[in-house]
Amino acid sequence: MSGLHLADASVWLLSAMTLAVFNITKAVGDDVEITPEVDNSSIGVSHLKPFKCSILPRSANALELIQQDVQC
């Protein structure tokens, strides 16, 4: 397996594991969802500006898995 394939597989696996245990949603301020802003200053490429989000465990079981991993 080449380095590129290993890196691609590693990023995919990390993303899948993260989404399996966390709900990632827009942050809420003053009871209103905060929508991230897009920076269109680059020619032909747009990027999100730094933004806040909410990252919470999906369940009590997910929280236990996270805590076990942190303790290792």
Protein backbone atom coordinates (compact mmCIF):
# COMPACT_ATOMS: atom_id res chain seq x y z
CA MET A 1 0.00 0.00 0.00
CA SER A 2 1.47 3.37 -0.94
CA GLY A 3 1.64 6.29 1.46
CA LEU A 4 -1.16 8.05 -0.39
CA HIS A 5 -3.50 5.08 0.00
CA LEU A 6 -2.58 4.71 3.67
CA ALA A 7 -3.24 8.40 4.31
CA ASP A 8 -6.57 8.26 2.45
CA ALA A 9 -7.68 5.16 4.38
CA SER A 10 -6.58 6.71 7.68
CA VAL A 11 -8.55 9.92 7.10
CA TRP A 12 -11.63 7.94 6.04
CA LEU A 13 -11.40 5.69 9.11
CA LEU A 14 -10.94 8.63 11.50
CA SER A 15 -13.93 10.41 9.94
CA ALA A 16 -16.13 7.31 10.16
CA MET A 17 -15.15 6.65 13.79
CA THR A 18 -15.79 10.28 14.74
CA LEU A 19 -19.21 10.38 13.10
CA ALA A 20 -20.12 7.03 14.69
CA VAL A 21 -19.86 8.39 18.24
CA PHE A 22 -20.50 12.16 17.94
CA ASN A 23 -23.36 14.35 16.76
CA ILE A 24 -21.80 17.40 15.13
CA THR A 25 -24.21 20.29 14.62
CA LYS A 26 -24.26 24.06 14.26
CA ALA A 27 -23.65 25.99 17.47
CA VAL A 28 -26.60 27.81 19.01
CA GLY A 29 -26.37 31.37 20.31
CA ASP A 30 -29.36 33.30 21.70
CA ASP A 31 -31.61 30.36 20.67
CA VAL A 32 -30.55 30.77 17.00
CA GLU A 33 -28.30 28.42 15.01
CA ILE A 34 -25.03 30.08 14.02
CA THR A 35 -24.36 29.50 10.32
CA PRO A 36 -20.65 29.37 9.34
CA GLU A 37 -19.49 32.12 6.98
CA VAL A 38 -17.67 31.41 3.71
CA ASP A 39 -14.55 33.38 2.79
CA ASN A 40 -14.70 34.11 -0.94
CA SER A 41 -11.58 36.29 -0.94
CA SER A 42 -9.48 33.68 -2.77
CA ILE A 43 -9.81 33.51 -6.53
CA GLY A 44 -11.61 30.31 -7.49
CA VAL A 45 -11.37 28.76 -4.02
CA SER A 46 -13.64 29.36 -1.04
CA HIS A 47 -12.95 28.42 2.57
CA LEU A 48 -15.03 28.44 5.72
CA LYS A 49 -14.01 31.05 8.24
CA PRO A 50 -13.32 29.70 11.76
CA PHE A 51 -16.64 28.81 13.36
CA LYS A 52 -18.16 27.32 16.49
CA CYS A 53 -20.01 24.02 16.45
CA SER A 54 -21.59 21.62 18.90
CA ILE A 55 -19.93 18.21 19.31
CA LEU A 56 -21.81 15.87 21.65
CA PRO A 57 -21.73 12.09 22.20
CA ARG A 58 -24.53 10.26 20.38
CA SER A 59 -25.43 8.11 23.40
CA ALA A 60 -24.33 6.92 26.84
CA ASN A 61 -22.62 3.95 25.15
CA ALA A 62 -20.71 6.29 22.85
CA LEU A 63 -19.63 8.35 25.86
CA GLU A 64 -18.29 5.20 27.56
CA LEU A 65 -16.28 4.30 24.44
CA ILE A 66 -14.81 7.80 24.30
CA GLN A 67 -13.88 7.75 27.99
CA GLN A 68 -12.27 4.30 27.67
CA ASP A 69 -10.15 5.50 24.75
CA VAL A 70 -9.01 8.59 26.67
CA GLN A 71 -7.97 6.50 29.68
CA CYS A 72 -5.77 4.16 27.60
